[in-house]
Amino acid sequence: FVPGAGWDELGPLFAAQEEARRQHFPEHLIGRLPPCAISV
């Protein structure tokens, strides 16, 4: 994965979710990240 212009806005959300997983938060309390589309 190579970050693009939109990473500055969403990167902290991924980091917070990863930290919650690292601390073994229950899945249902971690929350969802915003949906992203993948295009070819």
Full PDB file with SEQRES, HELIX, SHEET, SSBOND, CRYST1, ORIGX, SCALE, CONECT and MASTER records, all heavy atoms in Angstrom:
SEQRES   1 A   40  PHE VAL PRO GLY ALA GLY TRP ASP GLU LEU GLY PRO LEU          
SEQRES   2 A   40  PHE ALA ALA GLN GLU GLU ALA ARG ARG GLN HIS PHE PRO          
SEQRES   3 A   40  GLU HIS LEU ILE GLY ARG LEU PRO PRO CYS ALA ILE SER          
SEQRES   4 A   40  VAL                                                          
HELIX    1 AA1 TRP A    7  ARG A   22  1                                  16    
HELIX    2 AA2 GLU A   27  ILE A   30  1                                   4    
CRYST1    1.000    1.000    1.000  90.00  90.00  90.00 P 1           1          
ORIGX1      1.000000  0.000000  0.000000        0.00000                         
ORIGX2      0.000000  1.000000  0.000000        0.00000                         
ORIGX3      0.000000  0.000000  1.000000        0.00000                         
SCALE1      1.000000  0.000000  0.000000        0.00000                         
SCALE2      0.000000  1.000000  0.000000        0.00000                         
SCALE3      0.000000  0.000000  1.000000        0.00000                         
ATOM      1  N   PHE A   1       0.847  -1.188   0.000  1.00  0.00           N  
ATOM      2  CA  PHE A   1       0.000   0.000   0.000  1.00  0.00           C  
ATOM      3  C   PHE A   1       0.885   1.242   0.000  1.00  0.00           C  
ATOM      4  O   PHE A   1       1.800   1.363   0.814  1.00  0.00           O  
ATOM      5  CB  PHE A   1      -0.906   0.015   1.237  1.00  0.00           C  
ATOM      6  CG  PHE A   1      -1.757   1.245   1.349  1.00  0.00           C  
ATOM      7  CD1 PHE A   1      -2.896   1.383   0.576  1.00  0.00           C  
ATOM      8  CD2 PHE A   1      -1.405   2.254   2.218  1.00  0.00           C  
ATOM      9  CE1 PHE A   1      -3.681   2.519   0.680  1.00  0.00           C  
ATOM     10  CE2 PHE A   1      -2.185   3.398   2.330  1.00  0.00           C  
ATOM     11  CZ  PHE A   1      -3.320   3.523   1.553  1.00  0.00           C  
ATOM     12  N   VAL A   2       0.609   2.162  -0.929  1.00  0.00           N  
ATOM     13  CA  VAL A   2       1.330   3.436  -0.995  1.00  0.00           C  
ATOM     14  C   VAL A   2       0.297   4.539  -0.751  1.00  0.00           C  
ATOM     15  O   VAL A   2      -0.653   4.682  -1.523  1.00  0.00           O  
ATOM     16  CB  VAL A   2       2.022   3.622  -2.361  1.00  0.00           C  
ATOM     17  CG1 VAL A   2       2.712   4.976  -2.439  1.00  0.00           C  
ATOM     18  CG2 VAL A   2       3.012   2.496  -2.597  1.00  0.00           C  
ATOM     19  N   PRO A   3       0.449   5.304   0.326  1.00  0.00           N  
ATOM     20  CA  PRO A   3      -0.545   6.340   0.651  1.00  0.00           C  
ATOM     21  C   PRO A   3      -0.679   7.382  -0.453  1.00  0.00           C  
ATOM     22  O   PRO A   3       0.294   7.721  -1.127  1.00  0.00           O  
ATOM     23  CB  PRO A   3       0.015   6.984   1.924  1.00  0.00           C  
ATOM     24  CG  PRO A   3       0.961   5.991   2.492  1.00  0.00           C  
ATOM     25  CD  PRO A   3       1.520   5.242   1.323  1.00  0.00           C  
ATOM     26  N   GLY A   4      -1.915   7.883  -0.611  1.00  0.00           N  
ATOM     27  CA  GLY A   4      -2.205   8.950  -1.557  1.00  0.00           C  
ATOM     28  C   GLY A   4      -2.652  10.201  -0.814  1.00  0.00           C  
ATOM     29  O   GLY A   4      -2.526  10.299   0.414  1.00  0.00           O  
ATOM     30  N   ALA A   5      -3.208  11.146  -1.542  1.00  0.00           N  
ATOM     31  CA  ALA A   5      -3.604  12.437  -0.963  1.00  0.00           C  
ATOM     32  C   ALA A   5      -4.647  12.285   0.140  1.00  0.00           C  
ATOM     33  O   ALA A   5      -4.644  13.050   1.102  1.00  0.00           O  
ATOM     34  CB  ALA A   5      -4.132  13.354  -2.058  1.00  0.00           C  
ATOM     35  N   GLY A   6      -5.547  11.335   0.037  1.00  0.00           N  
ATOM     36  CA  GLY A   6      -6.597  11.154   1.033  1.00  0.00           C  
ATOM     37  C   GLY A   6      -6.156  10.446   2.303  1.00  0.00           C  
ATOM     38  O   GLY A   6      -6.927  10.324   3.252  1.00  0.00           O  
ATOM     39  N   TRP A   7      -4.907   9.966   2.337  1.00  0.00           N  
ATOM     40  CA  TRP A   7      -4.436   9.222   3.504  1.00  0.00           C  
ATOM     41  C   TRP A   7      -4.353  10.096   4.748  1.00  0.00           C  
ATOM     42  O   TRP A   7      -4.601   9.638   5.860  1.00  0.00           O  
ATOM     43  CB  TRP A   7      -3.085   8.579   3.230  1.00  0.00           C  
ATOM     44  CG  TRP A   7      -2.593   7.785   4.393  1.00  0.00           C  
ATOM     45  CD1 TRP A   7      -1.556   8.083   5.212  1.00  0.00           C  
ATOM     46  CD2 TRP A   7      -3.153   6.568   4.903  1.00  0.00           C  
ATOM     47  NE1 TRP A   7      -1.415   7.118   6.188  1.00  0.00           N  
ATOM     48  CE2 TRP A   7      -2.396   6.181   6.020  1.00  0.00           C  
ATOM     49  CE3 TRP A   7      -4.221   5.761   4.517  1.00  0.00           C  
ATOM     50  CZ2 TRP A   7      -2.673   5.035   6.744  1.00  0.00           C  
ATOM     51  CZ3 TRP A   7      -4.496   4.621   5.250  1.00  0.00           C  
ATOM     52  CH2 TRP A   7      -3.723   4.264   6.348  1.00  0.00           C  
ATOM     53  N   ASP A   8      -4.005  11.374   4.570  1.00  0.00           N  
ATOM     54  CA  ASP A   8      -3.892  12.267   5.738  1.00  0.00           C  
ATOM     55  C   ASP A   8      -5.191  12.337   6.530  1.00  0.00           C  
ATOM     56  O   ASP A   8      -5.181  12.432   7.752  1.00  0.00           O  
ATOM     57  CB  ASP A   8      -3.485  13.673   5.297  1.00  0.00           C  
ATOM     58  CG  ASP A   8      -2.049  13.731   4.803  1.00  0.00           C  
ATOM     59  OD1 ASP A   8      -1.269  12.803   5.112  1.00  0.00           O  
ATOM     60  OD2 ASP A   8      -1.712  14.700   4.103  1.00  0.00           O  
ATOM     61  N   GLU A   9      -6.317  12.254   5.825  1.00  0.00           N  
ATOM     62  CA  GLU A   9      -7.628  12.321   6.482  1.00  0.00           C  
ATOM     63  C   GLU A   9      -7.997  11.005   7.158  1.00  0.00           C  
ATOM     64  O   GLU A   9      -8.543  11.000   8.254  1.00  0.00           O  
ATOM     65  CB  GLU A   9      -8.700  12.690   5.455  1.00  0.00           C  
ATOM     66  CG  GLU A   9     -10.094  12.784   6.017  1.00  0.00           C  
ATOM     67  CD  GLU A   9     -11.133  13.126   4.955  1.00  0.00           C  
ATOM     68  OE1 GLU A   9     -10.779  13.696   3.924  1.00  0.00           O  
ATOM     69  OE2 GLU A   9     -12.309  12.787   5.183  1.00  0.00           O  
ATOM     70  N   LEU A  10      -7.692   9.865   6.514  1.00  0.00           N  
ATOM     71  CA  LEU A  10      -8.138   8.565   7.026  1.00  0.00           C  
ATOM     72  C   LEU A  10      -7.079   7.803   7.813  1.00  0.00           C  
ATOM     73  O   LEU A  10      -7.412   6.920   8.599  1.00  0.00           O  
ATOM     74  CB  LEU A  10      -8.627   7.691   5.869  1.00  0.00           C  
ATOM     75  CG  LEU A  10      -9.868   8.187   5.156  1.00  0.00           C  
ATOM     76  CD1 LEU A  10     -10.219   7.241   4.013  1.00  0.00           C  
ATOM     77  CD2 LEU A  10     -11.030   8.318   6.110  1.00  0.00           C  
ATOM     78  N   GLY A  11      -5.814   8.117   7.638  1.00  0.00           N  
ATOM     79  CA  GLY A  11      -4.744   7.396   8.315  1.00  0.00           C  
ATOM     80  C   GLY A  11      -4.906   7.305   9.821  1.00  0.00           C  
ATOM     81  O   GLY A  11      -4.719   6.232  10.404  1.00  0.00           O  
ATOM     82  N   PRO A  12      -5.261   8.426  10.500  1.00  0.00           N  
ATOM     83  CA  PRO A  12      -5.437   8.345  11.961  1.00  0.00           C  
ATOM     84  C   PRO A  12      -6.548   7.373  12.383  1.00  0.00           C  
ATOM     85  O   PRO A  12      -6.468   6.768  13.455  1.00  0.00           O  
ATOM     86  CB  PRO A  12      -5.787   9.780  12.353  1.00  0.00           C  
ATOM     87  CG  PRO A  12      -5.180  10.624  11.282  1.00  0.00           C  
ATOM     88  CD  PRO A  12      -5.319   9.805  10.024  1.00  0.00           C  
ATOM     89  N   LEU A  13      -7.562   7.191  11.552  1.00  0.00           N  
ATOM     90  CA  LEU A  13      -8.626   6.234  11.880  1.00  0.00           C  
ATOM     91  C   LEU A  13      -8.098   4.805  11.852  1.00  0.00           C  
ATOM     92  O   LEU A  13      -8.422   3.992  12.720  1.00  0.00           O  
ATOM     93  CB  LEU A  13      -9.798   6.388  10.911  1.00  0.00           C  
ATOM     94  CG  LEU A  13     -10.505   7.735  10.930  1.00  0.00           C  
ATOM     95  CD1 LEU A  13     -11.564   7.791   9.835  1.00  0.00           C  
ATOM     96  CD2 LEU A  13     -11.127   8.006  12.286  1.00  0.00           C  
ATOM     97  N   PHE A  14      -7.287   4.481  10.846  1.00  0.00           N  
ATOM     98  CA  PHE A  14      -6.678   3.152  10.782  1.00  0.00           C  
ATOM     99  C   PHE A  14      -5.749   2.931  11.971  1.00  0.00           C  
ATOM    100  O   PHE A  14      -5.725   1.851  12.563  1.00  0.00           O  
ATOM    101  CB  PHE A  14      -5.907   2.971   9.466  1.00  0.00           C  
ATOM    102  CG  PHE A  14      -6.783   2.704   8.290  1.00  0.00           C  
ATOM    103  CD1 PHE A  14      -7.248   3.736   7.510  1.00  0.00           C  
ATOM    104  CD2 PHE A  14      -7.134   1.405   7.952  1.00  0.00           C  
ATOM    105  CE1 PHE A  14      -8.050   3.499   6.408  1.00  0.00           C  
ATOM    106  CE2 PHE A  14      -7.943   1.148   6.856  1.00  0.00           C  
ATOM    107  CZ  PHE A  14      -8.401   2.200   6.078  1.00  0.00           C  
ATOM    108  N   ALA A  15      -4.969   3.955  12.329  1.00  0.00           N  
ATOM    109  CA  ALA A  15      -4.045   3.844  13.461  1.00  0.00           C  
ATOM    110  C   ALA A  15      -4.802   3.613  14.765  1.00  0.00           C  
ATOM    111  O   ALA A  15      -4.397   2.790  15.592  1.00  0.00           O  
ATOM    112  CB  ALA A  15      -3.178   5.095  13.553  1.00  0.00           C  
ATOM    113  N   ALA A  16      -5.906   4.337  14.959  1.00  0.00           N  
ATOM    114  CA  ALA A  16      -6.701   4.176  16.185  1.00  0.00           C  
ATOM    115  C   ALA A  16      -7.327   2.786  16.245  1.00  0.00           C  
ATOM    116  O   ALA A  16      -7.357   2.160  17.313  1.00  0.00           O  
ATOM    117  CB  ALA A  16      -7.788   5.250  16.255  1.00  0.00           C  
ATOM    118  N   GLN A  17      -7.801   2.299  15.107  1.00  0.00           N  
ATOM    119  CA  GLN A  17      -8.394   0.962  15.093  1.00  0.00           C  
ATOM    120  C   GLN A  17      -7.330  -0.099  15.378  1.00  0.00           C  
ATOM    121  O   GLN A  17      -7.561  -1.033  16.143  1.00  0.00           O  
ATOM    122  CB  GLN A  17      -9.072   0.686  13.750  1.00  0.00           C  
ATOM    123  CG  GLN A  17      -9.836  -0.617  13.767  1.00  0.00           C  
ATOM    124  CD  GLN A  17     -10.562  -0.864  12.477  1.00  0.00           C  
ATOM    125  OE1 GLN A  17      -9.937  -0.872  11.426  1.00  0.00           O  
ATOM    126  NE2 GLN A  17     -11.854  -1.055  12.546  1.00  0.00           N  
ATOM    127  N   GLU A  18      -6.152   0.052  14.805  1.00  0.00           N  
ATOM    128  CA  GLU A  18      -5.083  -0.908  15.057  1.00  0.00           C  
ATOM    129  C   GLU A  18      -4.661  -0.886  16.526  1.00  0.00           C  
ATOM    130  O   GLU A  18      -4.408  -1.922  17.130  1.00  0.00           O  
ATOM    131  CB  GLU A  18      -3.888  -0.622  14.150  1.00  0.00           C  
ATOM    132  CG  GLU A  18      -2.750  -1.601  14.315  1.00  0.00           C  
ATOM    133  CD  GLU A  18      -3.161  -3.048  14.113  1.00  0.00           C  
ATOM    134  OE1 GLU A  18      -4.073  -3.335  13.307  1.00  0.00           O  
ATOM    135  OE2 GLU A  18      -2.575  -3.918  14.787  1.00  0.00           O  
ATOM    136  N   GLU A  19      -4.614   0.295  17.123  1.00  0.00           N  
ATOM    137  CA  GLU A  19      -4.263   0.397  18.549  1.00  0.00           C  
ATOM    138  C   GLU A  19      -5.319  -0.296  19.420  1.00  0.00           C  
ATOM    139  O   GLU A  19      -4.990  -0.981  20.396  1.00  0.00           O  
ATOM    140  CB  GLU A  19      -4.105   1.866  18.956  1.00  0.00           C  
ATOM    141  CG  GLU A  19      -3.757   2.062  20.409  1.00  0.00           C  
ATOM    142  CD  GLU A  19      -2.440   1.456  20.840  1.00  0.00           C  
ATOM    143  OE1 GLU A  19      -1.591   1.129  19.979  1.00  0.00           O  
ATOM    144  OE2 GLU A  19      -2.243   1.291  22.058  1.00  0.00           O  
ATOM    145  N   ALA A  20      -6.592  -0.120  19.071  1.00  0.00           N  
ATOM    146  CA  ALA A  20      -7.665  -0.786  19.817  1.00  0.00           C  
ATOM    147  C   ALA A  20      -7.527  -2.305  19.708  1.00  0.00           C  
ATOM    148  O   ALA A  20      -7.696  -3.025  20.707  1.00  0.00           O  
ATOM    149  CB  ALA A  20      -9.023  -0.329  19.309  1.00  0.00           C  
ATOM    150  N   ARG A  21      -7.207  -2.804  18.518  1.00  0.00           N  
ATOM    151  CA  ARG A  21      -7.004  -4.252  18.357  1.00  0.00           C  
ATOM    152  C   ARG A  21      -5.806  -4.726  19.174  1.00  0.00           C  
ATOM    153  O   ARG A  21      -5.831  -5.791  19.777  1.00  0.00           O  
ATOM    154  CB  ARG A  21      -6.800  -4.604  16.887  1.00  0.00           C  
ATOM    155  CG  ARG A  21      -8.018  -4.479  16.056  1.00  0.00           C  
ATOM    156  CD  ARG A  21      -7.737  -4.972  14.636  1.00  0.00           C  
ATOM    157  NE  ARG A  21      -8.718  -4.483  13.713  1.00  0.00           N  
ATOM    158  CZ  ARG A  21      -9.963  -4.919  13.598  1.00  0.00           C  
ATOM    159  NH1 ARG A  21     -10.391  -5.861  14.405  1.00  0.00           N  
ATOM    160  NH2 ARG A  21     -10.779  -4.417  12.718  1.00  0.00           N  
ATOM    161  N   ARG A  22      -4.725  -3.925  19.149  1.00  0.00           N  
ATOM    162  CA  ARG A  22      -3.521  -4.285  19.894  1.00  0.00           C  
ATOM    163  C   ARG A  22      -3.812  -4.399  21.384  1.00  0.00           C  
ATOM    164  O   ARG A  22      -3.253  -5.237  22.077  1.00  0.00           O  
ATOM    165  CB  ARG A  22      -2.432  -3.242  19.635  1.00  0.00           C  
ATOM    166  CG  ARG A  22      -1.060  -3.653  20.131  1.00  0.00           C  
ATOM    167  CD  ARG A  22      -0.031  -2.553  19.965  1.00  0.00           C  
ATOM    168  NE  ARG A  22      -0.278  -1.402  20.825  1.00  0.00           N  
ATOM    169  CZ  ARG A  22      -0.099  -1.368  22.145  1.00  0.00           C  
ATOM    170  NH1 ARG A  22       0.300  -2.451  22.779  1.00  0.00           N  
ATOM    171  NH2 ARG A  22      -0.337  -0.281  22.846  1.00  0.00           N  
ATOM    172  N   GLN A  23      -4.719  -3.560  21.875  1.00  0.00           N  
ATOM    173  CA  GLN A  23      -5.079  -3.586  23.292  1.00  0.00           C  
ATOM    174  C   GLN A  23      -6.206  -4.569  23.586  1.00  0.00           C  
ATOM    175  O   GLN A  23      -6.748  -4.588  24.680  1.00  0.00           O  
ATOM    176  CB  GLN A  23      -5.466  -2.180  23.754  1.00  0.00           C  
ATOM    177  CG  GLN A  23      -4.309  -1.214  23.725  1.00  0.00           C  
ATOM    178  CD  GLN A  23      -4.693   0.138  24.285  1.00  0.00           C  
ATOM    179  OE1 GLN A  23      -5.657   0.284  25.031  1.00  0.00           O  
ATOM    180  NE2 GLN A  23      -3.922   1.149  23.928  1.00  0.00           N  
ATOM    181  N   HIS A  24      -6.573  -5.381  22.593  1.00  0.00           N  
ATOM    182  CA  HIS A  24      -7.568  -6.442  22.732  1.00  0.00           C  
ATOM    183  C   HIS A  24      -8.969  -5.922  23.076  1.00  0.00           C  
ATOM    184  O   HIS A  24      -9.690  -6.552  23.845  1.00  0.00           O  
ATOM    185  CB  HIS A  24      -7.113  -7.486  23.753  1.00  0.00           C  
ATOM    186  CG  HIS A  24      -5.762  -8.045  23.455  1.00  0.00           C  
ATOM    187  ND1 HIS A  24      -5.531  -8.890  22.391  1.00  0.00           N  
ATOM    188  CD2 HIS A  24      -4.560  -7.849  24.057  1.00  0.00           C  
ATOM    189  CE1 HIS A  24      -4.251  -9.205  22.359  1.00  0.00           C  
ATOM    190  NE2 HIS A  24      -3.638  -8.585  23.352  1.00  0.00           N  
ATOM    191  N   PHE A  25      -9.341  -4.752  22.511  1.00  0.00           N  
ATOM    192  CA  PHE A  25     -10.719  -4.287  22.674  1.00  0.00           C  
ATOM    193  C   PHE A  25     -11.650  -5.292  22.008  1.00  0.00           C  
ATOM    194  O   PHE A  25     -11.296  -5.881  20.990  1.00  0.00           O  
ATOM    195  CB  PHE A  25     -10.914  -2.937  21.974  1.00  0.00           C  
ATOM    196  CG  PHE A  25     -10.481  -1.748  22.785  1.00  0.00           C  
ATOM    197  CD1 PHE A  25      -9.213  -1.666  23.328  1.00  0.00           C  
ATOM    198  CD2 PHE A  25     -11.354  -0.689  22.979  1.00  0.00           C  
ATOM    199  CE1 PHE A  25      -8.811  -0.570  24.049  1.00  0.00           C  
ATOM    200  CE2 PHE A  25     -10.960   0.419  23.701  1.00  0.00           C  
ATOM    201  CZ  PHE A  25      -9.685   0.483  24.242  1.00  0.00           C  
ATOM    202  N   PRO A  26     -12.851  -5.489  22.538  1.00  0.00           N  
ATOM    203  CA  PRO A  26     -13.822  -6.361  21.861  1.00  0.00           C  
ATOM    204  C   PRO A  26     -14.160  -5.801  20.472  1.00  0.00           C  
ATOM    205  O   PRO A  26     -14.271  -4.588  20.303  1.00  0.00           O  
ATOM    206  CB  PRO A  26     -15.047  -6.322  22.778  1.00  0.00           C  
ATOM    207  CG  PRO A  26     -14.525  -5.882  24.110  1.00  0.00           C  
ATOM    208  CD  PRO A  26     -13.355  -4.988  23.814  1.00  0.00           C  
ATOM    209  N   GLU A  27     -14.286  -6.685  19.504  1.00  0.00           N  
ATOM    210  CA  GLU A  27     -14.558  -6.277  18.118  1.00  0.00           C  
ATOM    211  C   GLU A  27     -15.733  -5.312  18.013  1.00  0.00           C  
ATOM    212  O   GLU A  27     -15.674  -4.339  17.281  1.00  0.00           O  
ATOM    213  CB  GLU A  27     -14.849  -7.496  17.233  1.00  0.00           C  
ATOM    214  CG  GLU A  27     -13.643  -8.238  16.751  1.00  0.00           C  
ATOM    215  CD  GLU A  27     -12.795  -7.459  15.761  1.00  0.00           C  
ATOM    216  OE1 GLU A  27     -13.333  -6.834  14.833  1.00  0.00           O  
ATOM    217  OE2 GLU A  27     -11.568  -7.486  15.932  1.00  0.00           O  
ATOM    218  N   HIS A  28     -16.812  -5.579  18.743  1.00  0.00           N  
ATOM    219  CA  HIS A  28     -18.015  -4.761  18.594  1.00  0.00           C  
ATOM    220  C   HIS A  28     -17.828  -3.351  19.159  1.00  0.00           C  
ATOM    221  O   HIS A  28     -18.632  -2.467  18.905  1.00  0.00           O  
ATOM    222  CB  HIS A  28     -19.223  -5.455  19.232  1.00  0.00           C  
ATOM    223  CG  HIS A  28     -19.174  -5.534  20.725  1.00  0.00           C  
ATOM    224  ND1 HIS A  28     -18.390  -6.471  21.380  1.00  0.00           N  
ATOM    225  CD2 HIS A  28     -19.781  -4.798  21.677  1.00  0.00           C  
ATOM    226  CE1 HIS A  28     -18.531  -6.293  22.686  1.00  0.00           C  
ATOM    227  NE2 HIS A  28     -19.366  -5.286  22.891  1.00  0.00           N  
ATOM    228  N   LEU A  29     -16.756  -3.099  19.918  1.00  0.00           N  
ATOM    229  CA  LEU A  29     -16.498  -1.758  20.454  1.00  0.00           C  
ATOM    230  C   LEU A  29     -15.481  -0.967  19.625  1.00  0.00           C  
ATOM    231  O   LEU A  29     -15.290   0.212  19.861  1.00  0.00           O  
ATOM    232  CB  LEU A  29     -15.990  -1.863  21.892  1.00  0.00           C  
ATOM    233  CG  LEU A  29     -16.964  -2.432  22.903  1.00  0.00           C  
ATOM    234  CD1 LEU A  29     -16.318  -2.519  24.270  1.00  0.00           C  
ATOM    235  CD2 LEU A  29     -18.224  -1.574  22.968  1.00  0.00           C  
ATOM    236  N   ILE A  30     -14.845  -1.614  18.683  1.00  0.00           N  
ATOM    237  CA  ILE A  30     -13.800  -0.946  17.899  1.00  0.00           C  
ATOM    238  C   ILE A  30     -14.402   0.008  16.875  1.00  0.00           C  
ATOM    239  O   ILE A  30     -13.885   1.084  16.639  1.00  0.00           O  
ATOM    240  CB  ILE A  30     -12.874  -1.976  17.238  1.00  0.00           C  
ATOM    241  CG1 ILE A  30     -12.075  -2.693  18.330  1.00  0.00           C  
ATOM    242  CG2 ILE A  30     -11.940  -1.310  16.244  1.00  0.00           C  
ATOM    243  CD1 ILE A  30     -11.205  -3.810  17.815  1.00  0.00           C  
ATOM    244  N   GLY A  31     -15.493  -0.341  16.260  1.00  0.00           N  
ATOM    245  CA  GLY A  31     -16.122   0.533  15.271  1.00  0.00           C  
ATOM    246  C   GLY A  31     -15.628   0.258  13.866  1.00  0.00           C  
ATOM    247  O   GLY A  31     -14.596  -0.364  13.654  1.00  0.00           O  
ATOM    248  N   ARG A  32     -16.397   0.763  12.934  1.00  0.00           N  
ATOM    249  CA  ARG A  32     -16.089   0.557  11.523  1.00  0.00           C  
ATOM    250  C   ARG A  32     -15.341   1.753  10.959  1.00  0.00           C  
ATOM    251  O   ARG A  32     -15.585   2.885  11.325  1.00  0.00           O  
ATOM    252  CB  ARG A  32     -17.375   0.382  10.721  1.00  0.00           C  
ATOM    253  CG  ARG A  32     -18.068  -0.920  10.978  1.00  0.00           C  
ATOM    254  CD  ARG A  32     -19.248  -1.088  10.066  1.00  0.00           C  
ATOM    255  NE  ARG A  32     -18.907  -0.691   8.712  1.00  0.00           N  
ATOM    256  CZ  ARG A  32     -19.792  -0.334   7.801  1.00  0.00           C  
ATOM    257  NH1 ARG A  32     -21.067  -0.290   8.091  1.00  0.00           N  
ATOM    258  NH2 ARG A  32     -19.419   0.000   6.602  1.00  0.00           N  
ATOM    259  N   LEU A  33     -14.469   1.465  10.026  1.00  0.00           N  
ATOM    260  CA  LEU A  33     -13.812   2.527   9.274  1.00  0.00           C  
ATOM    261  C   LEU A  33     -14.724   2.959   8.133  1.00  0.00           C  
ATOM    262  O   LEU A  33     -15.601   2.200   7.713  1.00  0.00           O  
ATOM    263  CB  LEU A  33     -12.490   2.019   8.708  1.00  0.00           C  
ATOM    264  CG  LEU A  33     -11.418   1.740   9.758  1.00  0.00           C  
ATOM    265  CD1 LEU A  33     -10.243   1.039   9.115  1.00  0.00           C  
ATOM    266  CD2 LEU A  33     -10.965   3.028  10.406  1.00  0.00           C  
ATOM    267  N   PRO A  34     -14.538   4.163   7.593  1.00  0.00           N  
ATOM    268  CA  PRO A  34     -15.364   4.595   6.473  1.00  0.00           C  
ATOM    269  C   PRO A  34     -15.178   3.651   5.287  1.00  0.00           C  
ATOM    270  O   PRO A  34     -14.080   3.142   5.070  1.00  0.00           O  
ATOM    271  CB  PRO A  34     -14.819   5.983   6.128  1.00  0.00           C  
ATOM    272  CG  PRO A  34     -13.989   6.390   7.268  1.00  0.00           C  
ATOM    273  CD  PRO A  34     -13.565   5.153   7.998  1.00  0.00           C  
ATOM    274  N   PRO A  35     -16.237   3.402   4.532  1.00  0.00           N  
ATOM    275  CA  PRO A  35     -16.101   2.516   3.375  1.00  0.00           C  
ATOM    276  C   PRO A  35     -15.189   3.143   2.325  1.00  0.00           C  
ATOM    277  O   PRO A  35     -15.189   4.345   2.119  1.00  0.00           O  
ATOM    278  CB  PRO A  35     -17.525   2.364   2.861  1.00  0.00           C  
ATOM    279  CG  PRO A  35     -18.278   3.500   3.444  1.00  0.00           C  
ATOM    280  CD  PRO A  35     -17.583   3.922   4.685  1.00  0.00           C  
ATOM    281  N   CYS A  36     -14.393   2.302   1.705  1.00  0.00           N  
ATOM    282  CA  CYS A  36     -13.518   2.724   0.617  1.00  0.00           C  
ATOM    283  C   CYS A  36     -13.809   1.847  -0.592  1.00  0.00           C  
ATOM    284  O   CYS A  36     -14.138   0.685  -0.452  1.00  0.00           O  
ATOM    285  CB  CYS A  36     -12.049   2.575   1.002  1.00  0.00           C  
ATOM    286  SG  CYS A  36     -11.512   3.685   2.302  1.00  0.00           S  
ATOM    287  N   ALA A  37     -13.697   2.427  -1.761  1.00  0.00           N  
ATOM    288  CA  ALA A  37     -13.871   1.670  -3.004  1.00  0.00           C  
ATOM    289  C   ALA A  37     -12.503   1.363  -3.574  1.00  0.00           C  
ATOM    290  O   ALA A  37     -11.578   2.171  -3.470  1.00  0.00           O  
ATOM    291  CB  ALA A  37     -14.692   2.478  -4.006  1.00  0.00           C  
ATOM    292  N   ILE A  38     -12.366   0.204  -4.180  1.00  0.00           N  
ATOM    293  CA  ILE A  38     -11.113  -0.164  -4.835  1.00  0.00           C  
ATOM    294  C   ILE A  38     -11.403  -0.271  -6.326  1.00  0.00           C  
ATOM    295  O   ILE A  38     -12.312  -0.969  -6.738  1.00  0.00           O  
ATOM    296  CB  ILE A  38     -10.564  -1.492  -4.295  1.00  0.00           C  
ATOM    297  CG1 ILE A  38     -10.219  -1.339  -2.818  1.00  0.00           C  
ATOM    298  CG2 ILE A  38      -9.338  -1.933  -5.078  1.00  0.00           C  
ATOM    299  CD1 ILE A  38      -9.746  -2.596  -2.145  1.00  0.00           C  
ATOM    300  N   SER A  39     -10.641   0.459  -7.122  1.00  0.00           N  
ATOM    301  CA  SER A  39     -10.835   0.420  -8.567  1.00  0.00           C  
ATOM    302  C   SER A  39      -9.572  -0.096  -9.245  1.00  0.00           C  
ATOM    303  O   SER A  39      -8.469   0.142  -8.774  1.00  0.00           O  
ATOM    304  CB  SER A  39     -11.204   1.814  -9.111  1.00  0.00           C  
ATOM    305  OG  SER A  39     -10.169   2.732  -8.815  1.00  0.00           O  
ATOM    306  N   VAL A  40      -9.769  -0.774 -10.352  1.00  0.00           N  
ATOM    307  CA  VAL A  40      -8.644  -1.348 -11.115  1.00  0.00           C  
ATOM    308  C   VAL A  40      -8.106  -0.292 -12.067  1.00  0.00           C  
ATOM    309  O   VAL A  40      -8.868   0.388 -12.741  1.00  0.00           O  
ATOM    310  CB  VAL A  40      -9.110  -2.595 -11.900  1.00  0.00           C  
ATOM    311  CG1 VAL A  40      -7.970  -3.155 -12.726  1.00  0.00           C  
ATOM    312  CG2 VAL A  40      -9.665  -3.640 -10.943  1.00  0.00           C  
TER     313      VAL A  40                                                      
MASTER        0    0    0    2    0    0    0    6  312    1    0    4          
END                                                                             
